[in-house]
Amino acid sequence: PGGSLSVSCTTSKTILSIYAMGWYRQAPGAQRELVARITSGGR
């Protein structure tokens, strides 16, 4: 707790051809949650 960690996701094609990329997370007994999203335009 209080520490830091990074995760990465590498795609098999240019991510610029994918409108939106992001992360969901799923904890036991919890709903799937959208964590973060970034679009090809930077939103």
Full PDB file with SEQRES, HELIX, SHEET, SSBOND, CRYST1, ORIGX, SCALE, CONECT and MASTER records, all heavy atoms in Angstrom:
SEQRES   1 A   43  PRO GLY GLY SER LEU SER VAL SER CYS THR THR SER LYS          
SEQRES   2 A   43  THR ILE LEU SER ILE TYR ALA MET GLY TRP TYR ARG GLN          
SEQRES   3 A   43  ALA PRO GLY ALA GLN ARG GLU LEU VAL ALA ARG ILE THR          
SEQRES   4 A   43  SER GLY GLY ARG                                              
HELIX    1 AA1 ILE A   15  SER A   17  5                                   3    
SHEET    1 AA1 2 ALA A  20  ARG A  25  0                                        
SHEET    2 AA1 2 GLU A  33  THR A  39 -1                                        
CRYST1    1.000    1.000    1.000  90.00  90.00  90.00 P 1           1          
ORIGX1      1.000000  0.000000  0.000000        0.00000                         
ORIGX2      0.000000  1.000000  0.000000        0.00000                         
ORIGX3      0.000000  0.000000  1.000000        0.00000                         
SCALE1      1.000000  0.000000  0.000000        0.00000                         
SCALE2      0.000000  1.000000  0.000000        0.00000                         
SCALE3      0.000000  0.000000  1.000000        0.00000                         
ATOM      1  N   PRO A   1       0.825  -1.209   0.000  1.00  0.00           N  
ATOM      2  CA  PRO A   1       0.000   0.000   0.000  1.00  0.00           C  
ATOM      3  C   PRO A   1       0.858   1.256   0.000  1.00  0.00           C  
ATOM      4  O   PRO A   1       1.857   1.340   0.709  1.00  0.00           O  
ATOM      5  CB  PRO A   1      -0.808  -0.124   1.289  1.00  0.00           C  
ATOM      6  CG  PRO A   1      -0.870  -1.595   1.548  1.00  0.00           C  
ATOM      7  CD  PRO A   1       0.458  -2.133   1.076  1.00  0.00           C  
ATOM      8  N   GLY A   2       0.453   2.217  -0.809  1.00  0.00           N  
ATOM      9  CA  GLY A   2       1.227   3.436  -0.973  1.00  0.00           C  
ATOM     10  C   GLY A   2       2.295   3.358  -2.032  1.00  0.00           C  
ATOM     11  O   GLY A   2       2.892   4.389  -2.380  1.00  0.00           O  
ATOM     12  N   GLY A   3       2.529   2.184  -2.549  1.00  0.00           N  
ATOM     13  CA  GLY A   3       3.537   2.006  -3.565  1.00  0.00           C  
ATOM     14  C   GLY A   3       3.030   2.304  -4.957  1.00  0.00           C  
ATOM     15  O   GLY A   3       1.894   2.736  -5.157  1.00  0.00           O  
ATOM     16  N   SER A   4       3.897   2.047  -5.921  1.00  0.00           N  
ATOM     17  CA  SER A   4       3.600   2.339  -7.317  1.00  0.00           C  
ATOM     18  C   SER A   4       3.849   1.116  -8.181  1.00  0.00           C  
ATOM     19  O   SER A   4       4.685   0.265  -7.868  1.00  0.00           O  
ATOM     20  CB  SER A   4       4.458   3.498  -7.826  1.00  0.00           C  
ATOM     21  OG  SER A   4       4.201   4.689  -7.112  1.00  0.00           O  
ATOM     22  N   LEU A   5       3.136   1.070  -9.275  1.00  0.00           N  
ATOM     23  CA  LEU A   5       3.266  -0.025 -10.223  1.00  0.00           C  
ATOM     24  C   LEU A   5       2.772   0.451 -11.574  1.00  0.00           C  
ATOM     25  O   LEU A   5       1.843   1.261 -11.646  1.00  0.00           O  
ATOM     26  CB  LEU A   5       2.448  -1.227  -9.758  1.00  0.00           C  
ATOM     27  CG  LEU A   5       2.675  -2.568 -10.459  1.00  0.00           C  
ATOM     28  CD1 LEU A   5       4.063  -3.107 -10.138  1.00  0.00           C  
ATOM     29  CD2 LEU A   5       1.615  -3.567 -10.024  1.00  0.00           C  
ATOM     30  N   SER A   6       3.383  -0.044 -12.627  1.00  0.00           N  
ATOM     31  CA  SER A   6       2.949   0.278 -13.975  1.00  0.00           C  
ATOM     32  C   SER A   6       2.623  -0.994 -14.736  1.00  0.00           C  
ATOM     33  O   SER A   6       3.305  -2.010 -14.584  1.00  0.00           O  
ATOM     34  CB  SER A   6       4.034   1.053 -14.727  1.00  0.00           C  
ATOM     35  OG  SER A   6       4.242   2.330 -14.167  1.00  0.00           O  
ATOM     36  N   VAL A   7       1.590  -0.921 -15.538  1.00  0.00           N  
ATOM     37  CA  VAL A   7       1.242  -2.003 -16.437  1.00  0.00           C  
ATOM     38  C   VAL A   7       1.246  -1.466 -17.855  1.00  0.00           C  
ATOM     39  O   VAL A   7       1.024  -0.271 -18.087  1.00  0.00           O  
ATOM     40  CB  VAL A   7      -0.121  -2.639 -16.099  1.00  0.00           C  
ATOM     41  CG1 VAL A   7      -0.046  -3.357 -14.760  1.00  0.00           C  
ATOM     42  CG2 VAL A   7      -1.227  -1.594 -16.071  1.00  0.00           C  
ATOM     43  N   SER A   8       1.511  -2.332 -18.799  1.00  0.00           N  
ATOM     44  CA  SER A   8       1.571  -1.922 -20.186  1.00  0.00           C  
ATOM     45  C   SER A   8       0.741  -2.851 -21.050  1.00  0.00           C  
ATOM     46  O   SER A   8       0.453  -3.988 -20.683  1.00  0.00           O  
ATOM     47  CB  SER A   8       3.016  -1.885 -20.688  1.00  0.00           C  
ATOM     48  OG  SER A   8       3.592  -3.176 -20.687  1.00  0.00           O  
ATOM     49  N   CYS A   9       0.385  -2.350 -22.203  1.00  0.00           N  
ATOM     50  CA  CYS A   9      -0.417  -3.104 -23.161  1.00  0.00           C  
ATOM     51  C   CYS A   9       0.101  -2.791 -24.550  1.00  0.00           C  
ATOM     52  O   CYS A   9       0.034  -1.636 -24.993  1.00  0.00           O  
ATOM     53  CB  CYS A   9      -1.890  -2.721 -23.025  1.00  0.00           C  
ATOM     54  SG  CYS A   9      -2.990  -3.489 -24.228  1.00  0.00           S  
ATOM     55  N   THR A  10       0.609  -3.798 -25.223  1.00  0.00           N  
ATOM     56  CA  THR A  10       1.154  -3.640 -26.562  1.00  0.00           C  
ATOM     57  C   THR A  10       0.235  -4.295 -27.574  1.00  0.00           C  
ATOM     58  O   THR A  10      -0.188  -5.439 -27.388  1.00  0.00           O  
ATOM     59  CB  THR A  10       2.560  -4.242 -26.649  1.00  0.00           C  
ATOM     60  OG1 THR A  10       3.432  -3.577 -25.732  1.00  0.00           O  
ATOM     61  CG2 THR A  10       3.132  -4.075 -28.060  1.00  0.00           C  
ATOM     62  N   THR A  11      -0.057  -3.583 -28.641  1.00  0.00           N  
ATOM     63  CA  THR A  11      -0.989  -4.057 -29.653  1.00  0.00           C  
ATOM     64  C   THR A  11      -0.246  -4.585 -30.866  1.00  0.00           C  
ATOM     65  O   THR A  11       0.905  -4.231 -31.124  1.00  0.00           O  
ATOM     66  CB  THR A  11      -1.941  -2.945 -30.093  1.00  0.00           C  
ATOM     67  OG1 THR A  11      -1.199  -1.901 -30.737  1.00  0.00           O  
ATOM     68  CG2 THR A  11      -2.676  -2.358 -28.899  1.00  0.00           C  
ATOM     69  N   SER A  12      -0.928  -5.417 -31.633  1.00  0.00           N  
ATOM     70  CA  SER A  12      -0.333  -6.016 -32.822  1.00  0.00           C  
ATOM     71  C   SER A  12      -0.440  -5.129 -34.050  1.00  0.00           C  
ATOM     72  O   SER A  12       0.081  -5.477 -35.108  1.00  0.00           O  
ATOM     73  CB  SER A  12      -0.984  -7.366 -33.111  1.00  0.00           C  
ATOM     74  OG  SER A  12      -2.365  -7.218 -33.389  1.00  0.00           O  
ATOM     75  N   LYS A  13      -1.103  -4.006 -33.935  1.00  0.00           N  
ATOM     76  CA  LYS A  13      -1.143  -3.023 -34.997  1.00  0.00           C  
ATOM     77  C   LYS A  13      -1.072  -1.640 -34.380  1.00  0.00           C  
ATOM     78  O   LYS A  13      -1.178  -1.488 -33.163  1.00  0.00           O  
ATOM     79  CB  LYS A  13      -2.390  -3.171 -35.862  1.00  0.00           C  
ATOM     80  CG  LYS A  13      -3.693  -2.801 -35.175  1.00  0.00           C  
ATOM     81  CD  LYS A  13      -4.858  -2.860 -36.158  1.00  0.00           C  
ATOM     82  CE  LYS A  13      -6.157  -2.393 -35.531  1.00  0.00           C  
ATOM     83  NZ  LYS A  13      -7.282  -2.425 -36.515  1.00  0.00           N  
ATOM     84  N   THR A  14      -0.917  -0.634 -35.217  1.00  0.00           N  
ATOM     85  CA  THR A  14      -0.798   0.720 -34.699  1.00  0.00           C  
ATOM     86  C   THR A  14      -2.020   1.090 -33.866  1.00  0.00           C  
ATOM     87  O   THR A  14      -3.162   0.903 -34.273  1.00  0.00           O  
ATOM     88  CB  THR A  14      -0.596   1.726 -35.832  1.00  0.00           C  
ATOM     89  OG1 THR A  14      -0.612   3.051 -35.289  1.00  0.00           O  
ATOM     90  CG2 THR A  14      -1.689   1.609 -36.885  1.00  0.00           C  
ATOM     91  N   ILE A  15      -1.744   1.641 -32.688  1.00  0.00           N  
ATOM     92  CA  ILE A  15      -2.853   2.031 -31.828  1.00  0.00           C  
ATOM     93  C   ILE A  15      -3.582   3.246 -32.383  1.00  0.00           C  
ATOM     94  O   ILE A  15      -4.701   3.546 -31.956  1.00  0.00           O  
ATOM     95  CB  ILE A  15      -2.388   2.297 -30.387  1.00  0.00           C  
ATOM     96  CG1 ILE A  15      -1.374   3.443 -30.328  1.00  0.00           C  
ATOM     97  CG2 ILE A  15      -1.809   1.038 -29.780  1.00  0.00           C  
ATOM     98  CD1 ILE A  15      -1.003   3.844 -28.912  1.00  0.00           C  
ATOM     99  N   LEU A  16      -2.978   3.930 -33.328  1.00  0.00           N  
ATOM    100  CA  LEU A  16      -3.649   5.066 -33.950  1.00  0.00           C  
ATOM    101  C   LEU A  16      -4.839   4.623 -34.798  1.00  0.00           C  
ATOM    102  O   LEU A  16      -5.709   5.438 -35.109  1.00  0.00           O  
ATOM    103  CB  LEU A  16      -2.665   5.863 -34.807  1.00  0.00           C  
ATOM    104  CG  LEU A  16      -1.572   6.606 -34.040  1.00  0.00           C  
ATOM    105  CD1 LEU A  16      -0.599   7.267 -35.005  1.00  0.00           C  
ATOM    106  CD2 LEU A  16      -2.176   7.636 -33.110  1.00  0.00           C  
ATOM    107  N   SER A  17      -4.877   3.357 -35.176  1.00  0.00           N  
ATOM    108  CA  SER A  17      -6.002   2.834 -35.929  1.00  0.00           C  
ATOM    109  C   SER A  17      -7.134   2.344 -35.027  1.00  0.00           C  
ATOM    110  O   SER A  17      -8.171   1.911 -35.535  1.00  0.00           O  
ATOM    111  CB  SER A  17      -5.552   1.697 -36.845  1.00  0.00           C  
ATOM    112  OG  SER A  17      -5.173   0.557 -36.104  1.00  0.00           O  
ATOM    113  N   ILE A  18      -6.924   2.403 -33.717  1.00  0.00           N  
ATOM    114  CA  ILE A  18      -7.930   2.025 -32.743  1.00  0.00           C  
ATOM    115  C   ILE A  18      -8.418   3.290 -32.057  1.00  0.00           C  
ATOM    116  O   ILE A  18      -7.617   4.024 -31.473  1.00  0.00           O  
ATOM    117  CB  ILE A  18      -7.368   1.033 -31.710  1.00  0.00           C  
ATOM    118  CG1 ILE A  18      -6.786  -0.188 -32.418  1.00  0.00           C  
ATOM    119  CG2 ILE A  18      -8.439   0.623 -30.713  1.00  0.00           C  
ATOM    120  CD1 ILE A  18      -6.041  -1.129 -31.501  1.00  0.00           C  
ATOM    121  N   TYR A  19      -9.703   3.539 -32.105  1.00  0.00           N  
ATOM    122  CA  TYR A  19     -10.233   4.813 -31.623  1.00  0.00           C  
ATOM    123  C   TYR A  19      -9.924   5.039 -30.149  1.00  0.00           C  
ATOM    124  O   TYR A  19      -9.506   6.132 -29.753  1.00  0.00           O  
ATOM    125  CB  TYR A  19     -11.734   4.894 -31.859  1.00  0.00           C  
ATOM    126  CG  TYR A  19     -12.372   6.071 -31.177  1.00  0.00           C  
ATOM    127  CD1 TYR A  19     -12.130   7.367 -31.618  1.00  0.00           C  
ATOM    128  CD2 TYR A  19     -13.215   5.886 -30.091  1.00  0.00           C  
ATOM    129  CE1 TYR A  19     -12.702   8.449 -30.985  1.00  0.00           C  
ATOM    130  CE2 TYR A  19     -13.794   6.963 -29.456  1.00  0.00           C  
ATOM    131  CZ  TYR A  19     -13.536   8.248 -29.906  1.00  0.00           C  
ATOM    132  OH  TYR A  19     -14.108   9.317 -29.273  1.00  0.00           O  
ATOM    133  N   ALA A  20     -10.162   4.021 -29.329  1.00  0.00           N  
ATOM    134  CA  ALA A  20      -9.984   4.182 -27.895  1.00  0.00           C  
ATOM    135  C   ALA A  20      -9.300   2.959 -27.308  1.00  0.00           C  
ATOM    136  O   ALA A  20      -9.617   1.818 -27.666  1.00  0.00           O  
ATOM    137  CB  ALA A  20     -11.315   4.416 -27.206  1.00  0.00           C  
ATOM    138  N   MET A  21      -8.375   3.205 -26.405  1.00  0.00           N  
ATOM    139  CA  MET A  21      -7.699   2.166 -25.649  1.00  0.00           C  
ATOM    140  C   MET A  21      -7.849   2.480 -24.168  1.00  0.00           C  
ATOM    141  O   MET A  21      -7.905   3.647 -23.776  1.00  0.00           O  
ATOM    142  CB  MET A  21      -6.215   2.099 -25.999  1.00  0.00           C  
ATOM    143  CG  MET A  21      -5.913   1.728 -27.441  1.00  0.00           C  
ATOM    144  SD  MET A  21      -6.247  -0.019 -27.790  1.00  0.00           S  
ATOM    145  CE  MET A  21      -5.113  -0.815 -26.651  1.00  0.00           C  
ATOM    146  N   GLY A  22      -7.878   1.446 -23.364  1.00  0.00           N  
ATOM    147  CA  GLY A  22      -8.003   1.696 -21.939  1.00  0.00           C  
ATOM    148  C   GLY A  22      -7.911   0.438 -21.119  1.00  0.00           C  
ATOM    149  O   GLY A  22      -7.482  -0.618 -21.598  1.00  0.00           O  
ATOM    150  N   TRP A  23      -8.313   0.578 -19.855  1.00  0.00           N  
ATOM    151  CA  TRP A  23      -8.205  -0.495 -18.878  1.00  0.00           C  
ATOM    152  C   TRP A  23      -9.487  -0.636 -18.092  1.00  0.00           C  
ATOM    153  O   TRP A  23     -10.051   0.354 -17.609  1.00  0.00           O  
ATOM    154  CB  TRP A  23      -7.054  -0.219 -17.903  1.00  0.00           C  
ATOM    155  CG  TRP A  23      -5.720  -0.085 -18.562  1.00  0.00           C  
ATOM    156  CD1 TRP A  23      -5.201   1.020 -19.146  1.00  0.00           C  
ATOM    157  CD2 TRP A  23      -4.731  -1.114 -18.702  1.00  0.00           C  
ATOM    158  NE1 TRP A  23      -3.954   0.765 -19.648  1.00  0.00           N  
ATOM    159  CE2 TRP A  23      -3.637  -0.534 -19.392  1.00  0.00           C  
ATOM    160  CE3 TRP A  23      -4.658  -2.443 -18.315  1.00  0.00           C  
ATOM    161  CZ2 TRP A  23      -2.489  -1.269 -19.695  1.00  0.00           C  
ATOM    162  CZ3 TRP A  23      -3.513  -3.166 -18.617  1.00  0.00           C  
ATOM    163  CH2 TRP A  23      -2.451  -2.569 -19.297  1.00  0.00           C  
ATOM    164  N   TYR A  24      -9.949  -1.857 -17.981  1.00  0.00           N  
ATOM    165  CA  TYR A  24     -10.961  -2.247 -17.021  1.00  0.00           C  
ATOM    166  C   TYR A  24     -10.284  -3.071 -15.930  1.00  0.00           C  
ATOM    167  O   TYR A  24      -9.221  -3.653 -16.150  1.00  0.00           O  
ATOM    168  CB  TYR A  24     -12.051  -3.095 -17.663  1.00  0.00           C  
ATOM    169  CG  TYR A  24     -13.092  -2.330 -18.451  1.00  0.00           C  
ATOM    170  CD1 TYR A  24     -12.878  -1.987 -19.774  1.00  0.00           C  
ATOM    171  CD2 TYR A  24     -14.305  -1.983 -17.861  1.00  0.00           C  
ATOM    172  CE1 TYR A  24     -13.837  -1.299 -20.499  1.00  0.00           C  
ATOM    173  CE2 TYR A  24     -15.271  -1.301 -18.582  1.00  0.00           C  
ATOM    174  CZ  TYR A  24     -15.029  -0.963 -19.901  1.00  0.00           C  
ATOM    175  OH  TYR A  24     -15.992  -0.290 -20.611  1.00  0.00           O  
ATOM    176  N   ARG A  25     -10.921  -3.114 -14.775  1.00  0.00           N  
ATOM    177  CA  ARG A  25     -10.445  -4.019 -13.740  1.00  0.00           C  
ATOM    178  C   ARG A  25     -11.621  -4.780 -13.141  1.00  0.00           C  
ATOM    179  O   ARG A  25     -12.750  -4.303 -13.124  1.00  0.00           O  
ATOM    180  CB  ARG A  25      -9.661  -3.289 -12.653  1.00  0.00           C  
ATOM    181  CG  ARG A  25     -10.461  -2.306 -11.817  1.00  0.00           C  
ATOM    182  CD  ARG A  25      -9.526  -1.549 -10.876  1.00  0.00           C  
ATOM    183  NE  ARG A  25     -10.245  -0.608 -10.032  1.00  0.00           N  
ATOM    184  CZ  ARG A  25      -9.654   0.244  -9.207  1.00  0.00           C  
ATOM    185  NH1 ARG A  25      -8.319   0.275  -9.116  1.00  0.00           N  
ATOM    186  NH2 ARG A  25     -10.387   1.074  -8.467  1.00  0.00           N  
ATOM    187  N   GLN A  26     -11.313  -5.978 -12.658  1.00  0.00           N  
ATOM    188  CA  GLN A  26     -12.317  -6.851 -12.076  1.00  0.00           C  
ATOM    189  C   GLN A  26     -11.772  -7.425 -10.781  1.00  0.00           C  
ATOM    190  O   GLN A  26     -10.775  -8.152 -10.791  1.00  0.00           O  
ATOM    191  CB  GLN A  26     -12.670  -7.987 -13.040  1.00  0.00           C  
ATOM    192  CG  GLN A  26     -13.718  -8.941 -12.514  1.00  0.00           C  
ATOM    193  CD  GLN A  26     -15.114  -8.391 -12.660  1.00  0.00           C  
ATOM    194  OE1 GLN A  26     -15.585  -8.123 -13.765  1.00  0.00           O  
ATOM    195  NE2 GLN A  26     -15.787  -8.197 -11.534  1.00  0.00           N  
ATOM    196  N   ALA A  27     -12.417  -7.092  -9.685  1.00  0.00           N  
ATOM    197  CA  ALA A  27     -12.070  -7.640  -8.391  1.00  0.00           C  
ATOM    198  C   ALA A  27     -13.108  -8.681  -7.998  1.00  0.00           C  
ATOM    199  O   ALA A  27     -14.269  -8.596  -8.416  1.00  0.00           O  
ATOM    200  CB  ALA A  27     -12.007  -6.539  -7.334  1.00  0.00           C  
ATOM    201  N   PRO A  28     -12.724  -9.675  -7.200  1.00  0.00           N  
ATOM    202  CA  PRO A  28     -13.689 -10.689  -6.777  1.00  0.00           C  
ATOM    203  C   PRO A  28     -14.901 -10.072  -6.096  1.00  0.00           C  
ATOM    204  O   PRO A  28     -14.764  -9.250  -5.185  1.00  0.00           O  
ATOM    205  CB  PRO A  28     -12.885 -11.556  -5.811  1.00  0.00           C  
ATOM    206  CG  PRO A  28     -11.468 -11.376  -6.237  1.00  0.00           C  
ATOM    207  CD  PRO A  28     -11.374  -9.949  -6.680  1.00  0.00           C  
ATOM    208  N   GLY A  29     -16.076 -10.451  -6.543  1.00  0.00           N  
ATOM    209  CA  GLY A  29     -17.301  -9.957  -5.956  1.00  0.00           C  
ATOM    210  C   GLY A  29     -17.687  -8.549  -6.338  1.00  0.00           C  
ATOM    211  O   GLY A  29     -18.674  -8.023  -5.817  1.00  0.00           O  
ATOM    212  N   ALA A  30     -16.938  -7.932  -7.224  1.00  0.00           N  
ATOM    213  CA  ALA A  30     -17.193  -6.556  -7.626  1.00  0.00           C  
ATOM    214  C   ALA A  30     -17.549  -6.480  -9.100  1.00  0.00           C  
ATOM    215  O   ALA A  30     -17.245  -7.381  -9.882  1.00  0.00           O  
ATOM    216  CB  ALA A  30     -15.982  -5.681  -7.335  1.00  0.00           C  
ATOM    217  N   GLN A  31     -18.188  -5.388  -9.468  1.00  0.00           N  
ATOM    218  CA  GLN A  31     -18.488  -5.142 -10.869  1.00  0.00           C  
ATOM    219  C   GLN A  31     -17.220  -4.804 -11.637  1.00  0.00           C  
ATOM    220  O   GLN A  31     -16.273  -4.246 -11.077  1.00  0.00           O  
ATOM    221  CB  GLN A  31     -19.487  -3.991 -11.005  1.00  0.00           C  
ATOM    222  CG  GLN A  31     -20.854  -4.249 -10.415  1.00  0.00           C  
ATOM    223  CD  GLN A  31     -21.792  -3.071 -10.601  1.00  0.00           C  
ATOM    224  OE1 GLN A  31     -21.389  -2.003 -11.054  1.00  0.00           O  
ATOM    225  NE2 GLN A  31     -23.045  -3.256 -10.251  1.00  0.00           N  
ATOM    226  N   ARG A  32     -17.231  -5.144 -12.909  1.00  0.00           N  
ATOM    227  CA  ARG A  32     -16.147  -4.706 -13.757  1.00  0.00           C  
ATOM    228  C   ARG A  32     -16.185  -3.186 -13.860  1.00  0.00           C  
ATOM    229  O   ARG A  32     -17.250  -2.597 -14.095  1.00  0.00           O  
ATOM    230  CB  ARG A  32     -16.259  -5.343 -15.140  1.00  0.00           C  
ATOM    231  CG  ARG A  32     -15.070  -5.068 -16.042  1.00  0.00           C  
ATOM    232  CD  ARG A  32     -15.197  -5.796 -17.359  1.00  0.00           C  
ATOM    233  NE  ARG A  32     -16.353  -5.348 -18.119  1.00  0.00           N  
ATOM    234  CZ  ARG A  32     -16.702  -5.847 -19.297  1.00  0.00           C  
ATOM    235  NH1 ARG A  32     -15.993  -6.828 -19.843  1.00  0.00           N  
ATOM    236  NH2 ARG A  32     -17.771  -5.378 -19.927  1.00  0.00           N  
ATOM    237  N   GLU A  33     -15.050  -2.566 -13.692  1.00  0.00           N  
ATOM    238  CA  GLU A  33     -14.957  -1.119 -13.579  1.00  0.00           C  
ATOM    239  C   GLU A  33     -14.024  -0.561 -14.636  1.00  0.00           C  
ATOM    240  O   GLU A  33     -12.892  -1.034 -14.783  1.00  0.00           O  
ATOM    241  CB  GLU A  33     -14.454  -0.726 -12.183  1.00  0.00           C  
ATOM    242  CG  GLU A  33     -14.253   0.761 -11.980  1.00  0.00           C  
ATOM    243  CD  GLU A  33     -13.618   1.090 -10.640  1.00  0.00           C  
ATOM    244  OE1 GLU A  33     -12.859   0.237 -10.123  1.00  0.00           O  
ATOM    245  OE2 GLU A  33     -13.882   2.179 -10.109  1.00  0.00           O  
ATOM    246  N   LEU A  34     -14.486   0.449 -15.337  1.00  0.00           N  
ATOM    247  CA  LEU A  34     -13.603   1.180 -16.244  1.00  0.00           C  
ATOM    248  C   LEU A  34     -12.648   2.022 -15.420  1.00  0.00           C  
ATOM    249  O   LEU A  34     -13.077   2.868 -14.625  1.00  0.00           O  
ATOM    250  CB  LEU A  34     -14.413   2.062 -17.193  1.00  0.00           C  
ATOM    251  CG  LEU A  34     -13.585   2.944 -18.142  1.00  0.00           C  
ATOM    252  CD1 LEU A  34     -12.806   2.088 -19.128  1.00  0.00           C  
ATOM    253  CD2 LEU A  34     -14.477   3.929 -18.877  1.00  0.00           C  
ATOM    254  N   VAL A  35     -11.362   1.811 -15.615  1.00  0.00           N  
ATOM    255  CA  VAL A  35     -10.339   2.518 -14.860  1.00  0.00           C  
ATOM    256  C   VAL A  35      -9.885   3.773 -15.586  1.00  0.00           C  
ATOM    257  O   VAL A  35      -9.826   4.861 -15.002  1.00  0.00           O  
ATOM    258  CB  VAL A  35      -9.134   1.607 -14.589  1.00  0.00           C  
ATOM    259  CG1 VAL A  35      -8.032   2.367 -13.852  1.00  0.00           C  
ATOM    260  CG2 VAL A  35      -9.575   0.382 -13.785  1.00  0.00           C  
ATOM    261  N   ALA A  36      -9.538   3.630 -16.845  1.00  0.00           N  
ATOM    262  CA  ALA A  36      -9.013   4.747 -17.615  1.00  0.00           C  
ATOM    263  C   ALA A  36      -9.167   4.470 -19.092  1.00  0.00           C  
ATOM    264  O   ALA A  36      -9.185   3.308 -19.520  1.00  0.00           O  
ATOM    265  CB  ALA A  36      -7.541   5.001 -17.285  1.00  0.00           C  
ATOM    266  N   ARG A  37      -9.246   5.538 -19.859  1.00  0.00           N  
ATOM    267  CA  ARG A  37      -9.399   5.422 -21.305  1.00  0.00           C  
ATOM    268  C   ARG A  37      -8.671   6.581 -21.968  1.00  0.00           C  
ATOM    269  O   ARG A  37      -8.696   7.707 -21.470  1.00  0.00           O  
ATOM    270  CB  ARG A  37     -10.881   5.433 -21.691  1.00  0.00           C  
ATOM    271  CG  ARG A  37     -11.150   5.374 -23.189  1.00  0.00           C  
ATOM    272  CD  ARG A  37     -12.650   5.366 -23.470  1.00  0.00           C  
ATOM    273  NE  ARG A  37     -13.309   6.540 -22.912  1.00  0.00           N  
ATOM    274  CZ  ARG A  37     -14.373   6.496 -22.113  1.00  0.00           C  
ATOM    275  NH1 ARG A  37     -14.915   5.329 -21.775  1.00  0.00           N  
ATOM    276  NH2 ARG A  37     -14.909   7.619 -21.657  1.00  0.00           N  
ATOM    277  N   ILE A  38      -8.061   6.302 -23.104  1.00  0.00           N  
ATOM    278  CA  ILE A  38      -7.442   7.338 -23.905  1.00  0.00           C  
ATOM    279  C   ILE A  38      -7.795   7.093 -25.361  1.00  0.00           C  
ATOM    280  O   ILE A  38      -7.713   5.969 -25.848  1.00  0.00           O  
ATOM    281  CB  ILE A  38      -5.911   7.386 -23.676  1.00  0.00           C  
ATOM    282  CG1 ILE A  38      -5.282   8.560 -24.436  1.00  0.00           C  
ATOM    283  CG2 ILE A  38      -5.246   6.064 -24.045  1.00  0.00           C  
ATOM    284  CD1 ILE A  38      -3.844   8.838 -24.016  1.00  0.00           C  
ATOM    285  N   THR A  39      -8.197   8.140 -26.052  1.00  0.00           N  
ATOM    286  CA  THR A  39      -8.547   8.019 -27.456  1.00  0.00           C  
ATOM    287  C   THR A  39      -7.346   8.327 -28.333  1.00  0.00           C  
ATOM    288  O   THR A  39      -6.337   8.866 -27.881  1.00  0.00           O  
ATOM    289  CB  THR A  39      -9.702   8.952 -27.828  1.00  0.00           C  
ATOM    290  OG1 THR A  39      -9.247  10.311 -27.783  1.00  0.00           O  
ATOM    291  CG2 THR A  39     -10.882   8.772 -26.879  1.00  0.00           C  
ATOM    292  N   SER A  40      -7.479   7.990 -29.605  1.00  0.00           N  
ATOM    293  CA  SER A  40      -6.411   8.279 -30.546  1.00  0.00           C  
ATOM    294  C   SER A  40      -6.162   9.775 -30.671  1.00  0.00           C  
ATOM    295  O   SER A  40      -5.063  10.186 -31.046  1.00  0.00           O  
ATOM    296  CB  SER A  40      -6.736   7.686 -31.918  1.00  0.00           C  
ATOM    297  OG  SER A  40      -7.950   8.206 -32.427  1.00  0.00           O  
ATOM    298  N   GLY A  41      -7.171  10.583 -30.343  1.00  0.00           N  
ATOM    299  CA  GLY A  41      -7.017  12.024 -30.348  1.00  0.00           C  
ATOM    300  C   GLY A  41      -6.507  12.602 -29.046  1.00  0.00           C  
ATOM    301  O   GLY A  41      -6.348  13.823 -28.952  1.00  0.00           O  
ATOM    302  N   GLY A  42      -6.269  11.753 -28.046  1.00  0.00           N  
ATOM    303  CA  GLY A  42      -5.689  12.207 -26.799  1.00  0.00           C  
ATOM    304  C   GLY A  42      -6.667  12.543 -25.692  1.00  0.00           C  
ATOM    305  O   GLY A  42      -6.260  13.046 -24.644  1.00  0.00           O  
ATOM    306  N   ARG A  43      -7.932  12.286 -25.890  1.00  0.00           N  
ATOM    307  CA  ARG A  43      -8.914  12.543 -24.838  1.00  0.00           C  
ATOM    308  C   ARG A  43      -8.819  11.455 -23.781  1.00  0.00           C  
ATOM    309  O   ARG A  43      -8.867  10.271 -24.088  1.00  0.00           O  
ATOM    310  CB  ARG A  43     -10.317  12.605 -25.427  1.00  0.00           C  
ATOM    311  CG  ARG A  43     -11.415  12.841 -24.408  1.00  0.00           C  
ATOM    312  CD  ARG A  43     -12.740  13.145 -25.089  1.00  0.00           C  
ATOM    313  NE  ARG A  43     -13.119  12.123 -26.052  1.00  0.00           N  
ATOM    314  CZ  ARG A  43     -13.778  11.007 -25.746  1.00  0.00           C  
ATOM    315  NH1 ARG A  43     -14.125  10.761 -24.489  1.00  0.00           N  
ATOM    316  NH2 ARG A  43     -14.087  10.143 -26.696  1.00  0.00           N  
TER     317      ARG A  43                                                      
MASTER        0    0    0    1    2    0    0    6  316    1    0    4          
END                                                                             
